[in-house]
């Protein structure tokens, strides 16, 4: 049950909603004593149709091969960024989450090796930095790269 489902949690104003959000985020956050990296493969209908099963299988293979116990690979439903499918979000403890898009098995391996294991963001596959879809370029401007025609430097 989420905090919003509790009978006493009535949302009366923005402060109530913010408090629920912060409690929920704290409950699901990466922990210093547990997982340090979480990879979430987005498996809504559009993601599955676009190949997210291959992304999930590849991420699981890479995790198994790494032998690391502080990395979690999980799934979620749709995140509302269907135009970038298949997608995976990489969250590293104390860093902004990165949404990667237009993935296939080879791109997923590279993201896993470079970002998840190596700590280096792979900008050419990044669609978003932080909690918003659309991304931020090197100058801090919002933008969305086009698959295979535009790359971030």
N, C-alpha and C. Protein backbone atom coordinates (compact mmCIF):
# COMPACT_ATOMS: atom_id res chain seq x y z
N UNK A 1 0.84 -1.17 0.00
CA UNK A 1 0.00 0.00 0.00
C UNK A 1 0.89 1.24 0.00
N UNK A 2 0.57 2.19 -0.87
CA UNK A 2 1.34 3.42 -0.90
C UNK A 2 0.83 4.37 0.18
N UNK A 3 1.63 5.39 0.54
CA UNK A 3 1.17 6.35 1.54
C UNK A 3 -0.14 7.02 1.14
N UNK A 4 -0.36 7.20 -0.15
CA UNK A 4 -1.59 7.85 -0.60
C UNK A 4 -2.81 6.98 -0.36
N UNK A 5 -2.62 5.66 -0.23
CA UNK A 5 -3.73 4.74 -0.02
C UNK A 5 -4.17 4.68 1.44
N UNK A 6 -3.34 5.17 2.33
CA UNK A 6 -3.67 5.12 3.76
C UNK A 6 -4.91 5.97 4.03
N UNK A 7 -5.82 5.47 4.87
CA UNK A 7 -7.07 6.20 5.11
C UNK A 7 -6.88 7.57 5.72
N UNK A 8 -5.77 7.80 6.43
CA UNK A 8 -5.55 9.09 7.07
C UNK A 8 -4.80 10.07 6.17
N UNK A 9 -4.35 9.63 5.01
CA UNK A 9 -3.55 10.48 4.13
C UNK A 9 -4.44 11.22 3.14
N UNK A 10 -5.08 12.27 3.60
CA UNK A 10 -5.90 13.09 2.72
C UNK A 10 -5.05 14.23 2.20
N UNK A 11 -5.12 14.43 0.92
CA UNK A 11 -4.34 15.50 0.30
C UNK A 11 -5.20 16.74 0.25
N UNK A 12 -4.79 17.73 1.02
CA UNK A 12 -5.56 18.97 1.10
C UNK A 12 -4.88 20.13 0.38
N UNK A 13 -3.56 19.99 0.21
CA UNK A 13 -2.83 21.08 -0.45
C UNK A 13 -1.53 20.54 -1.02
N UNK A 14 -0.77 21.41 -1.64
CA UNK A 14 0.49 21.01 -2.27
C UNK A 14 1.50 20.49 -1.25
N UNK A 15 1.50 21.02 -0.06
CA UNK A 15 2.43 20.56 0.97
C UNK A 15 2.16 19.11 1.35
N UNK A 16 0.87 18.71 1.41
CA UNK A 16 0.52 17.32 1.69
C UNK A 16 1.03 16.41 0.59
N UNK A 17 0.83 16.83 -0.65
CA UNK A 17 1.27 16.03 -1.79
C UNK A 17 2.79 15.92 -1.81
N UNK A 18 3.48 17.00 -1.52
CA UNK A 18 4.95 17.00 -1.47
C UNK A 18 5.45 16.06 -0.37
N UNK A 19 4.80 16.06 0.77
CA UNK A 19 5.20 15.18 1.88
C UNK A 19 5.03 13.72 1.50
N UNK A 20 3.94 13.39 0.84
CA UNK A 20 3.71 12.01 0.39
C UNK A 20 4.78 11.61 -0.63
N UNK A 21 5.08 12.51 -1.55
CA UNK A 21 6.11 12.23 -2.56
C UNK A 21 7.47 11.97 -1.89
N UNK A 22 7.84 12.80 -0.93
CA UNK A 22 9.13 12.65 -0.26
C UNK A 22 9.20 11.35 0.53
N UNK A 23 8.12 10.98 1.22
CA UNK A 23 8.11 9.71 1.96
C UNK A 23 8.23 8.53 1.01
N UNK A 24 7.50 8.59 -0.09
CA UNK A 24 7.54 7.49 -1.06
C UNK A 24 8.93 7.38 -1.68
N UNK A 25 9.52 8.51 -2.04
CA UNK A 25 10.87 8.47 -2.61
C UNK A 25 11.88 7.95 -1.61
N UNK A 26 11.75 8.31 -0.37
CA UNK A 26 12.67 7.82 0.66
C UNK A 26 12.51 6.31 0.85
N UNK A 27 11.28 5.82 0.74
CA UNK A 27 11.03 4.39 0.90
C UNK A 27 11.58 3.57 -0.25
N UNK A 28 11.70 4.17 -1.44
CA UNK A 28 12.13 3.42 -2.61
C UNK A 28 13.51 3.84 -3.10
N UNK A 29 14.19 4.70 -2.38
CA UNK A 29 15.48 5.22 -2.81
C UNK A 29 16.58 4.17 -2.71
N UNK A 30 17.63 4.42 -3.44
CA UNK A 30 18.82 3.59 -3.32
C UNK A 30 19.43 3.83 -1.95
N UNK A 31 19.92 2.80 -1.36
CA UNK A 31 20.46 2.89 0.00
C UNK A 31 21.97 2.70 -0.01
N UNK A 32 22.62 3.40 0.89
CA UNK A 32 24.06 3.24 1.00
C UNK A 32 24.43 1.86 1.51
N UNK A 33 23.53 1.20 2.21
CA UNK A 33 23.83 -0.12 2.75
C UNK A 33 23.31 -1.25 1.86
N UNK A 34 22.76 -0.92 0.71
CA UNK A 34 22.18 -1.95 -0.16
C UNK A 34 22.63 -1.73 -1.59
N UNK A 35 21.66 -1.54 -2.46
CA UNK A 35 21.96 -1.34 -3.87
C UNK A 35 22.53 0.05 -4.10
N UNK A 36 23.53 0.12 -4.96
CA UNK A 36 24.13 1.40 -5.31
C UNK A 36 23.68 1.86 -6.70
N UNK A 37 23.22 0.92 -7.51
CA UNK A 37 22.77 1.25 -8.86
C UNK A 37 21.48 0.50 -9.13
N UNK A 38 20.52 1.21 -9.73
CA UNK A 38 19.28 0.56 -10.16
C UNK A 38 19.08 0.86 -11.64
N UNK A 39 18.88 -0.20 -12.42
CA UNK A 39 18.56 -0.08 -13.83
C UNK A 39 17.10 -0.48 -13.99
N UNK A 40 16.29 0.43 -14.49
CA UNK A 40 14.88 0.15 -14.68
C UNK A 40 14.58 0.11 -16.17
N UNK A 41 14.17 -1.05 -16.65
CA UNK A 41 13.78 -1.20 -18.04
C UNK A 41 12.28 -0.92 -18.11
N UNK A 42 11.90 0.01 -18.96
CA UNK A 42 10.50 0.44 -19.04
C UNK A 42 9.76 -0.46 -20.03
N UNK A 43 8.76 -1.17 -19.48
CA UNK A 43 8.10 -2.23 -20.23
C UNK A 43 6.60 -1.98 -20.38
N UNK A 44 6.25 -0.77 -20.77
CA UNK A 44 4.87 -0.53 -21.15
C UNK A 44 4.61 -1.22 -22.48
N UNK A 45 3.39 -1.14 -22.96
CA UNK A 45 3.04 -1.79 -24.22
C UNK A 45 3.94 -1.33 -25.35
N UNK A 46 4.18 -0.03 -25.43
CA UNK A 46 5.02 0.49 -26.52
C UNK A 46 6.46 0.02 -26.36
N UNK A 47 6.94 -0.08 -25.13
CA UNK A 47 8.30 -0.56 -24.90
C UNK A 47 8.47 -2.00 -25.30
N UNK A 48 7.51 -2.83 -24.93
CA UNK A 48 7.57 -4.24 -25.30
C UNK A 48 7.53 -4.39 -26.81
N UNK A 49 6.65 -3.64 -27.46
CA UNK A 49 6.55 -3.70 -28.92
C UNK A 49 7.83 -3.21 -29.59
N UNK A 50 8.57 -2.33 -28.92
CA UNK A 50 9.79 -1.77 -29.50
C UNK A 50 11.04 -2.57 -29.19
N UNK A 51 10.94 -3.57 -28.31
CA UNK A 51 12.10 -4.41 -28.03
C UNK A 51 12.64 -4.35 -26.62
N UNK A 52 11.86 -3.90 -25.66
CA UNK A 52 12.40 -3.79 -24.30
C UNK A 52 12.71 -5.15 -23.67
N UNK A 53 12.10 -6.22 -24.17
CA UNK A 53 12.46 -7.55 -23.64
C UNK A 53 13.92 -7.87 -23.92
N UNK A 54 14.41 -7.46 -25.09
CA UNK A 54 15.83 -7.66 -25.42
C UNK A 54 16.70 -6.82 -24.50
N UNK A 55 16.28 -5.61 -24.22
CA UNK A 55 17.03 -4.73 -23.32
C UNK A 55 17.09 -5.36 -21.92
N UNK A 56 15.96 -5.85 -21.43
CA UNK A 56 15.92 -6.48 -20.11
C UNK A 56 16.82 -7.72 -20.06
N UNK A 57 16.71 -8.57 -21.06
CA UNK A 57 17.52 -9.79 -21.09
C UNK A 57 19.01 -9.45 -21.13
N UNK A 58 19.38 -8.46 -21.92
CA UNK A 58 20.78 -8.06 -22.02
C UNK A 58 21.28 -7.48 -20.70
N UNK A 59 20.48 -6.64 -20.06
CA UNK A 59 20.89 -6.07 -18.77
C UNK A 59 21.06 -7.17 -17.73
N UNK A 60 20.17 -8.15 -17.72
CA UNK A 60 20.28 -9.27 -16.77
C UNK A 60 21.53 -10.10 -17.05
N UNK A 61 21.84 -10.33 -18.32
CA UNK A 61 23.06 -11.06 -18.68
C UNK A 61 24.30 -10.31 -18.21
N UNK A 62 24.32 -9.01 -18.45
CA UNK A 62 25.47 -8.19 -18.03
C UNK A 62 25.62 -8.18 -16.51
N UNK A 63 24.49 -8.10 -15.81
CA UNK A 63 24.53 -8.14 -14.35
C UNK A 63 25.11 -9.46 -13.86
N UNK A 64 24.63 -10.56 -14.42
CA UNK A 64 25.12 -11.88 -14.01
C UNK A 64 26.62 -12.01 -14.29
N UNK A 65 27.06 -11.53 -15.45
CA UNK A 65 28.47 -11.63 -15.81
C UNK A 65 29.35 -10.75 -14.92
N UNK A 66 28.79 -9.66 -14.42
CA UNK A 66 29.59 -8.74 -13.59
C UNK A 66 29.87 -9.31 -12.20
N UNK A 67 28.97 -10.15 -11.71
CA UNK A 67 29.12 -10.68 -10.37
C UNK A 67 28.82 -9.67 -9.27
N UNK A 68 28.37 -8.49 -9.63
CA UNK A 68 28.10 -7.44 -8.66
C UNK A 68 26.80 -7.71 -7.92
N UNK A 69 26.79 -7.46 -6.63
CA UNK A 69 25.61 -7.67 -5.81
C UNK A 69 24.93 -6.37 -5.40
N UNK A 70 25.53 -5.24 -5.78
CA UNK A 70 24.97 -3.95 -5.41
C UNK A 70 24.23 -3.26 -6.55
N UNK A 71 23.92 -4.02 -7.59
CA UNK A 71 23.20 -3.50 -8.75
C UNK A 71 21.87 -4.23 -8.86
N UNK A 72 20.83 -3.47 -9.09
CA UNK A 72 19.50 -4.06 -9.22
C UNK A 72 18.96 -3.74 -10.61
N UNK A 73 18.48 -4.77 -11.30
CA UNK A 73 17.79 -4.57 -12.58
C UNK A 73 16.32 -4.86 -12.32
N UNK A 74 15.48 -3.90 -12.67
CA UNK A 74 14.05 -4.03 -12.42
C UNK A 74 13.28 -3.53 -13.63
N UNK A 75 11.96 -3.65 -13.57
CA UNK A 75 11.12 -3.19 -14.67
C UNK A 75 10.06 -2.23 -14.14
N UNK A 76 9.51 -1.47 -15.06
CA UNK A 76 8.38 -0.60 -14.74
C UNK A 76 7.46 -0.60 -15.95
N UNK A 77 6.35 0.05 -15.80
CA UNK A 77 5.43 0.23 -16.92
C UNK A 77 5.85 1.43 -17.74
N UNK A 78 4.89 1.99 -18.40
CA UNK A 78 5.11 3.14 -19.28
C UNK A 78 5.52 4.37 -18.47
N UNK A 79 6.46 5.15 -19.01
CA UNK A 79 6.83 6.40 -18.35
C UNK A 79 6.42 7.61 -19.19
N UNK A 80 5.71 7.36 -20.27
CA UNK A 80 5.19 8.45 -21.08
C UNK A 80 6.18 9.04 -22.07
N UNK A 81 7.20 8.31 -22.41
CA UNK A 81 8.18 8.79 -23.39
C UNK A 81 8.30 7.77 -24.52
N UNK A 82 7.16 7.41 -25.07
CA UNK A 82 7.08 6.32 -26.06
C UNK A 82 7.97 6.55 -27.28
N UNK A 83 8.19 7.80 -27.61
CA UNK A 83 8.97 8.11 -28.81
C UNK A 83 10.44 7.70 -28.68
N UNK A 84 10.89 7.35 -27.47
CA UNK A 84 12.29 6.98 -27.25
C UNK A 84 12.47 5.49 -26.98
N UNK A 85 11.42 4.71 -27.10
CA UNK A 85 11.48 3.28 -26.77
C UNK A 85 12.40 2.52 -27.70
N UNK A 86 12.96 1.43 -27.21
CA UNK A 86 12.99 0.93 -25.84
C UNK A 86 13.92 1.76 -24.95
N UNK A 87 13.54 1.84 -23.67
CA UNK A 87 14.24 2.74 -22.74
C UNK A 87 14.66 2.02 -21.47
N UNK A 88 15.70 2.58 -20.84
CA UNK A 88 16.15 2.10 -19.54
C UNK A 88 16.67 3.31 -18.76
N UNK A 89 16.27 3.40 -17.51
CA UNK A 89 16.78 4.46 -16.63
C UNK A 89 17.86 3.87 -15.73
N UNK A 90 18.98 4.57 -15.64
CA UNK A 90 20.07 4.17 -14.75
C UNK A 90 20.13 5.20 -13.62
N UNK A 91 19.99 4.69 -12.39
CA UNK A 91 20.07 5.54 -11.20
C UNK A 91 21.25 5.06 -10.37
N UNK A 92 22.20 5.95 -10.18
CA UNK A 92 23.37 5.68 -9.35
C UNK A 92 23.22 6.50 -8.08
N UNK A 93 23.54 5.90 -6.95
CA UNK A 93 23.41 6.56 -5.66
C UNK A 93 24.04 7.94 -5.69
N UNK A 94 23.29 8.94 -5.23
CA UNK A 94 23.72 10.33 -5.13
C UNK A 94 24.01 11.00 -6.47
N UNK A 95 23.44 10.49 -7.56
CA UNK A 95 23.59 11.11 -8.88
C UNK A 95 22.21 11.27 -9.52
N UNK A 96 22.13 12.14 -10.50
CA UNK A 96 20.89 12.32 -11.25
C UNK A 96 20.62 11.06 -12.06
N UNK A 97 19.35 10.64 -12.16
CA UNK A 97 19.04 9.50 -13.01
C UNK A 97 19.22 9.87 -14.48
N UNK A 98 19.58 8.88 -15.30
CA UNK A 98 19.75 9.09 -16.73
C UNK A 98 18.82 8.13 -17.45
N UNK A 99 18.00 8.67 -18.34
CA UNK A 99 17.12 7.86 -19.17
C UNK A 99 17.80 7.64 -20.50
N UNK A 100 18.01 6.38 -20.86
CA UNK A 100 18.59 6.03 -22.14
C UNK A 100 17.49 5.54 -23.06
N UNK A 101 17.57 5.93 -24.33
CA UNK A 101 16.53 5.54 -25.28
C UNK A 101 17.09 4.96 -26.56
N UNK A 102 16.17 4.43 -27.36
CA UNK A 102 16.49 3.83 -28.65
C UNK A 102 17.48 2.68 -28.48
N UNK A 103 17.31 1.90 -27.41
CA UNK A 103 18.28 0.85 -27.07
C UNK A 103 18.04 -0.43 -27.85
N UNK A 104 19.12 -1.17 -28.03
CA UNK A 104 19.10 -2.54 -28.52
C UNK A 104 20.11 -3.30 -27.66
N UNK A 105 20.40 -4.53 -27.99
CA UNK A 105 21.30 -5.33 -27.15
C UNK A 105 22.70 -4.70 -27.06
N UNK A 106 23.25 -4.26 -28.18
CA UNK A 106 24.60 -3.69 -28.16
C UNK A 106 24.66 -2.38 -27.39
N UNK A 107 23.67 -1.52 -27.58
CA UNK A 107 23.65 -0.25 -26.85
C UNK A 107 23.46 -0.49 -25.36
N UNK A 108 22.63 -1.47 -25.01
CA UNK A 108 22.41 -1.79 -23.60
C UNK A 108 23.70 -2.30 -22.97
N UNK A 109 24.44 -3.15 -23.67
CA UNK A 109 25.74 -3.61 -23.15
C UNK A 109 26.67 -2.44 -22.90
N UNK A 110 26.71 -1.52 -23.83
CA UNK A 110 27.60 -0.36 -23.67
C UNK A 110 27.19 0.49 -22.48
N UNK A 111 25.88 0.75 -22.34
CA UNK A 111 25.40 1.53 -21.19
C UNK A 111 25.74 0.81 -19.90
N UNK A 112 25.55 -0.50 -19.87
CA UNK A 112 25.85 -1.26 -18.66
C UNK A 112 27.34 -1.20 -18.33
N UNK A 113 28.18 -1.44 -19.32
CA UNK A 113 29.62 -1.44 -19.08
C UNK A 113 30.14 -0.04 -18.70
N UNK A 114 29.74 0.97 -19.49
CA UNK A 114 30.29 2.31 -19.28
C UNK A 114 29.66 3.04 -18.09
N UNK A 115 28.32 3.02 -18.00
CA UNK A 115 27.67 3.81 -16.95
C UNK A 115 27.47 3.00 -15.67
N UNK A 116 26.81 1.85 -15.79
CA UNK A 116 26.48 1.08 -14.59
C UNK A 116 27.75 0.59 -13.89
N UNK A 117 28.66 0.00 -14.63
CA UNK A 117 29.89 -0.51 -14.03
C UNK A 117 31.01 0.53 -13.95
N UNK A 118 31.10 1.38 -14.99
CA UNK A 118 32.22 2.32 -15.06
C UNK A 118 31.95 3.71 -14.53
N UNK A 119 30.68 4.06 -14.35
CA UNK A 119 30.35 5.37 -13.79
C UNK A 119 30.35 6.52 -14.78
N UNK A 120 30.45 6.23 -16.08
CA UNK A 120 30.50 7.28 -17.09
C UNK A 120 29.22 7.25 -17.93
N UNK A 121 28.51 8.37 -17.95
CA UNK A 121 27.28 8.47 -18.75
C UNK A 121 27.64 8.30 -20.23
N UNK A 122 26.75 7.64 -20.97
CA UNK A 122 26.93 7.45 -22.41
C UNK A 122 26.04 8.48 -23.10
N UNK A 123 26.57 9.65 -23.43
CA UNK A 123 25.73 10.75 -23.89
C UNK A 123 25.00 10.50 -25.20
N UNK A 124 25.58 9.70 -26.09
CA UNK A 124 24.92 9.49 -27.38
C UNK A 124 23.63 8.69 -27.28
N UNK A 125 23.39 8.00 -26.18
CA UNK A 125 22.14 7.25 -26.00
C UNK A 125 21.24 7.89 -24.95
N UNK A 126 21.72 8.94 -24.28
CA UNK A 126 20.95 9.58 -23.21
C UNK A 126 19.83 10.43 -23.80
N UNK A 127 18.65 10.22 -23.27
CA UNK A 127 17.48 10.99 -23.68
C UNK A 127 17.17 12.05 -22.64
N UNK A 128 17.48 11.77 -21.38
CA UNK A 128 17.12 12.66 -20.30
C UNK A 128 18.11 12.54 -19.16
N UNK A 129 18.36 13.67 -18.52
CA UNK A 129 19.16 13.70 -17.31
C UNK A 129 18.30 14.30 -16.22
N UNK A 130 18.13 13.61 -15.14
CA UNK A 130 17.28 14.09 -14.06
C UNK A 130 15.88 13.51 -14.16
N UNK A 131 14.92 14.20 -13.59
CA UNK A 131 13.56 13.68 -13.51
C UNK A 131 12.65 14.12 -14.64
N UNK A 132 13.19 14.61 -15.73
CA UNK A 132 12.34 15.05 -16.83
C UNK A 132 12.82 14.42 -18.13
N UNK A 133 11.90 14.18 -19.02
CA UNK A 133 12.24 13.61 -20.32
C UNK A 133 12.52 14.76 -21.27
N UNK A 134 13.53 14.61 -22.09
CA UNK A 134 13.86 15.64 -23.05
C UNK A 134 15.33 15.95 -23.03
N UNK A 135 15.95 15.79 -21.88
CA UNK A 135 17.39 15.91 -21.81
C UNK A 135 17.90 17.33 -21.69
N UNK A 136 19.15 17.42 -21.34
CA UNK A 136 19.84 18.68 -21.20
C UNK A 136 21.16 18.54 -21.91
N UNK A 137 21.46 19.46 -22.81
CA UNK A 137 22.73 19.37 -23.51
C UNK A 137 23.84 20.00 -22.68
N UNK A 138 25.04 20.06 -23.23
CA UNK A 138 26.20 20.54 -22.48
C UNK A 138 26.05 21.99 -22.03
N UNK A 139 25.22 22.76 -22.72
CA UNK A 139 24.99 24.15 -22.35
C UNK A 139 23.79 24.31 -21.42
N UNK A 140 23.18 23.19 -20.99
CA UNK A 140 22.06 23.25 -20.08
C UNK A 140 20.72 23.48 -20.76
N UNK A 141 20.67 23.40 -22.09
CA UNK A 141 19.41 23.59 -22.81
C UNK A 141 18.64 22.29 -22.90
N UNK A 142 17.32 22.39 -22.81
CA UNK A 142 16.46 21.22 -22.97
C UNK A 142 16.49 20.79 -24.44
N UNK A 143 16.60 19.49 -24.68
CA UNK A 143 16.55 18.99 -26.06
C UNK A 143 16.37 17.50 -26.09
N UNK A 144 15.96 17.00 -27.21
CA UNK A 144 15.79 15.57 -27.42
C UNK A 144 16.52 15.19 -28.69
N UNK A 145 17.51 14.29 -28.60
CA UNK A 145 18.21 13.87 -29.81
C UNK A 145 17.33 12.94 -30.64
N UNK A 146 17.56 12.93 -31.93
CA UNK A 146 16.85 12.02 -32.82
C UNK A 146 17.68 10.73 -32.93
N UNK A 147 17.04 9.57 -33.00
CA UNK A 147 17.78 8.32 -33.04
C UNK A 147 18.65 8.21 -34.29
N UNK A 148 19.91 7.88 -34.08
CA UNK A 148 20.86 7.59 -35.15
C UNK A 148 21.11 8.73 -36.13
N UNK A 149 20.49 9.91 -35.93
CA UNK A 149 20.76 11.03 -36.83
C UNK A 149 21.40 12.18 -36.09
N UNK A 150 21.23 12.22 -34.78
CA UNK A 150 21.81 13.30 -33.99
C UNK A 150 22.41 12.69 -32.75
N UNK A 151 23.63 13.05 -32.44
CA UNK A 151 24.27 12.51 -31.25
C UNK A 151 24.72 13.66 -30.38
N UNK A 152 24.70 13.41 -29.06
CA UNK A 152 25.17 14.41 -28.12
C UNK A 152 26.67 14.28 -27.99
N UNK A 153 27.33 15.38 -27.83
CA UNK A 153 28.78 15.32 -27.64
C UNK A 153 29.14 15.74 -26.25
